[in-house]
Amino acid sequence: MSEIGAYEAKTHLPQLLERVQKGERFIITRHGRPVAELVPVSGRDESAIRETIALMRKRRQAFERAGVRLRDALQPAESLRDLAHAGHRR
């Protein structure tokens, strides 16, 4: 992976993007220190997304059949929003 300074990356961005589109990867540095990576975008795996959604629906149905409700997973005074954001940095 090639290193390139931030100023040079800014100056030659169109050319860099063409090279990245062809598969090259770059580490962008500022004052010699790595600050970012310029990499090709990976495509979405549509089949994996569909499989994951199907699995989630299957699990939700199994919980419903067992009588398990989402609110049963909450602590006293905890909201669904709190549960969804558990473990996120603030």
C-alpha atoms as a PDB file:
ATOM      1  CA  MET A   1       0.000   0.000   0.000  1.00  0.00           C
ATOM      2  CA  SER A   2       1.491   3.324  -1.076  1.00  0.00           C
ATOM      3  CA  GLU A   3       1.749   6.325   1.219  1.00  0.00           C
ATOM      4  CA  ILE A   4       0.865   9.796  -0.009  1.00  0.00           C
ATOM      5  CA  GLY A   5       0.884  13.141   1.776  1.00  0.00           C
ATOM      6  CA  ALA A   6      -2.406  14.914   2.409  1.00  0.00           C
ATOM      7  CA  TYR A   7      -1.455  17.910   0.261  1.00  0.00           C
ATOM      8  CA  GLU A   8      -0.440  15.705  -2.662  1.00  0.00           C
ATOM      9  CA  ALA A   9      -3.626  13.628  -2.254  1.00  0.00           C
ATOM     10  CA  LYS A  10      -5.726  16.793  -2.372  1.00  0.00           C
ATOM     11  CA  THR A  11      -3.860  18.100  -5.394  1.00  0.00           C
ATOM     12  CA  HIS A  12      -4.106  14.848  -7.364  1.00  0.00           C
ATOM     13  CA  LEU A  13      -7.414  13.477  -6.096  1.00  0.00           C
ATOM     14  CA  PRO A  14      -8.994  12.762  -9.517  1.00  0.00           C
ATOM     15  CA  GLN A  15      -5.957  10.727 -10.596  1.00  0.00           C
ATOM     16  CA  LEU A  16      -5.841   8.910  -7.245  1.00  0.00           C
ATOM     17  CA  LEU A  17      -9.513   8.018  -7.531  1.00  0.00           C
ATOM     18  CA  GLU A  18      -8.905   6.507 -10.959  1.00  0.00           C
ATOM     19  CA  ARG A  19      -6.101   4.376  -9.541  1.00  0.00           C
ATOM     20  CA  VAL A  20      -8.210   3.351  -6.540  1.00  0.00           C
ATOM     21  CA  GLN A  21     -11.024   2.378  -8.879  1.00  0.00           C
ATOM     22  CA  LYS A  22      -8.555  -0.019 -10.515  1.00  0.00           C
ATOM     23  CA  GLY A  23      -7.793  -1.615  -7.148  1.00  0.00           C
ATOM     24  CA  GLU A  24      -4.880   0.373  -5.689  1.00  0.00           C
ATOM     25  CA  ARG A  25      -4.891   1.390  -2.037  1.00  0.00           C
ATOM     26  CA  PHE A  26      -3.237   4.406  -0.425  1.00  0.00           C
ATOM     27  CA  ILE A  27      -2.429   5.548   3.089  1.00  0.00           C
ATOM     28  CA  ILE A  28      -2.777   9.314   3.384  1.00  0.00           C
ATOM     29  CA  THR A  29      -0.330  10.902   5.795  1.00  0.00           C
ATOM     30  CA  ARG A  30      -0.112  14.255   7.505  1.00  0.00           C
ATOM     31  CA  HIS A  31       3.374  15.275   8.602  1.00  0.00           C
ATOM     32  CA  GLY A  32       4.502  11.698   7.985  1.00  0.00           C
ATOM     33  CA  ARG A  33       1.840  10.131  10.206  1.00  0.00           C
ATOM     34  CA  PRO A  34      -0.922   7.930   8.743  1.00  0.00           C
ATOM     35  CA  VAL A  35      -4.362   9.537   9.071  1.00  0.00           C
ATOM     36  CA  ALA A  36      -6.568   7.782   6.508  1.00  0.00           C
ATOM     37  CA  GLU A  37      -6.806   4.997   3.966  1.00  0.00           C
ATOM     38  CA  LEU A  38      -8.077   5.453   0.439  1.00  0.00           C
ATOM     39  CA  VAL A  39      -9.401   2.059  -0.665  1.00  0.00           C
ATOM     40  CA  PRO A  40     -11.836   0.752  -3.271  1.00  0.00           C
ATOM     41  CA  VAL A  41     -15.412   0.409  -2.103  1.00  0.00           C
ATOM     42  CA  SER A  42     -16.370  -3.180  -1.512  1.00  0.00           C
ATOM     43  CA  GLY A  43     -19.627  -4.249  -3.080  1.00  0.00           C
ATOM     44  CA  ARG A  44     -22.634  -5.162  -1.009  1.00  0.00           C
ATOM     45  CA  ASP A  45     -23.319  -8.858  -0.656  1.00  0.00           C
ATOM     46  CA  GLU A  46     -27.039  -8.866  -1.449  1.00  0.00           C
ATOM     47  CA  SER A  47     -27.465 -12.588  -0.751  1.00  0.00           C
ATOM     48  CA  ALA A  48     -25.856 -12.258   2.698  1.00  0.00           C
ATOM     49  CA  ILE A  49     -28.146  -9.306   3.474  1.00  0.00           C
ATOM     50  CA  ARG A  50     -31.232 -11.312   2.452  1.00  0.00           C
ATOM     51  CA  GLU A  51     -30.084 -14.320   4.508  1.00  0.00           C
ATOM     52  CA  THR A  52     -29.516 -12.148   7.572  1.00  0.00           C
ATOM     53  CA  ILE A  53     -32.956 -10.536   7.299  1.00  0.00           C
ATOM     54  CA  ALA A  54     -34.586 -13.959   6.869  1.00  0.00           C
ATOM     55  CA  LEU A  55     -32.739 -15.251   9.943  1.00  0.00           C
ATOM     56  CA  MET A  56     -33.832 -12.226  11.986  1.00  0.00           C
ATOM     57  CA  ARG A  57     -37.474 -12.767  10.981  1.00  0.00           C
ATOM     58  CA  LYS A  58     -37.224 -16.466  11.858  1.00  0.00           C
ATOM     59  CA  ARG A  59     -35.756 -15.688  15.288  1.00  0.00           C
ATOM     60  CA  ARG A  60     -38.385 -13.009  15.941  1.00  0.00           C
ATOM     61  CA  GLN A  61     -41.168 -15.500  15.110  1.00  0.00           C
ATOM     62  CA  ALA A  62     -39.597 -18.096  17.405  1.00  0.00           C
ATOM     63  CA  PHE A  63     -39.485 -15.573  20.252  1.00  0.00           C
ATOM     64  CA  GLU A  64     -43.101 -14.593  19.604  1.00  0.00           C
ATOM     65  CA  ARG A  65     -44.178 -18.266  19.701  1.00  0.00           C
ATOM     66  CA  ALA A  66     -42.323 -18.676  22.999  1.00  0.00           C
ATOM     67  CA  GLY A  67     -44.073 -15.613  24.429  1.00  0.00           C
ATOM     68  CA  VAL A  68     -40.860 -13.584  24.723  1.00  0.00           C
ATOM     69  CA  ARG A  69     -41.350  -9.856  24.231  1.00  0.00           C
ATOM     70  CA  LEU A  70     -38.684  -7.232  23.577  1.00  0.00           C
ATOM     71  CA  ARG A  71     -39.768  -5.218  26.580  1.00  0.00           C
ATOM     72  CA  ASP A  72     -38.922  -8.258  28.743  1.00  0.00           C
ATOM     73  CA  ALA A  73     -35.247  -7.656  27.882  1.00  0.00           C
ATOM     74  CA  LEU A  74     -35.319  -4.117  29.302  1.00  0.00           C
ATOM     75  CA  GLN A  75     -34.094  -3.151  32.731  1.00  0.00           C
ATOM     76  CA  PRO A  76     -36.381  -1.011  34.910  1.00  0.00           C
ATOM     77  CA  ALA A  77     -36.497   2.561  33.530  1.00  0.00           C
ATOM     78  CA  GLU A  78     -34.614   1.479  30.360  1.00  0.00           C
ATOM     79  CA  SER A  79     -36.080   2.421  26.971  1.00  0.00           C
ATOM     80  CA  LEU A  80     -35.869   0.613  23.639  1.00  0.00           C
ATOM     81  CA  ARG A  81     -33.575   3.414  22.504  1.00  0.00           C
ATOM     82  CA  ASP A  82     -31.257   2.692  25.444  1.00  0.00           C
ATOM     83  CA  LEU A  83     -31.179  -0.989  24.491  1.00  0.00           C
ATOM     84  CA  ALA A  84     -30.480  -0.210  20.827  1.00  0.00           C
ATOM     85  CA  HIS A  85     -27.574   2.058  21.753  1.00  0.00           C
ATOM     86  CA  ALA A  86     -26.089  -0.134  24.490  1.00  0.00           C
ATOM     87  CA  GLY A  87     -22.335  -0.273  24.078  1.00  0.00           C
ATOM     88  CA  HIS A  88     -22.110   2.773  21.789  1.00  0.00           C
ATOM     89  CA  ARG A  89     -19.692   5.502  22.674  1.00  0.00           C
ATOM     90  CA  ARG A  90     -21.236   8.834  23.549  1.00  0.00           C
END
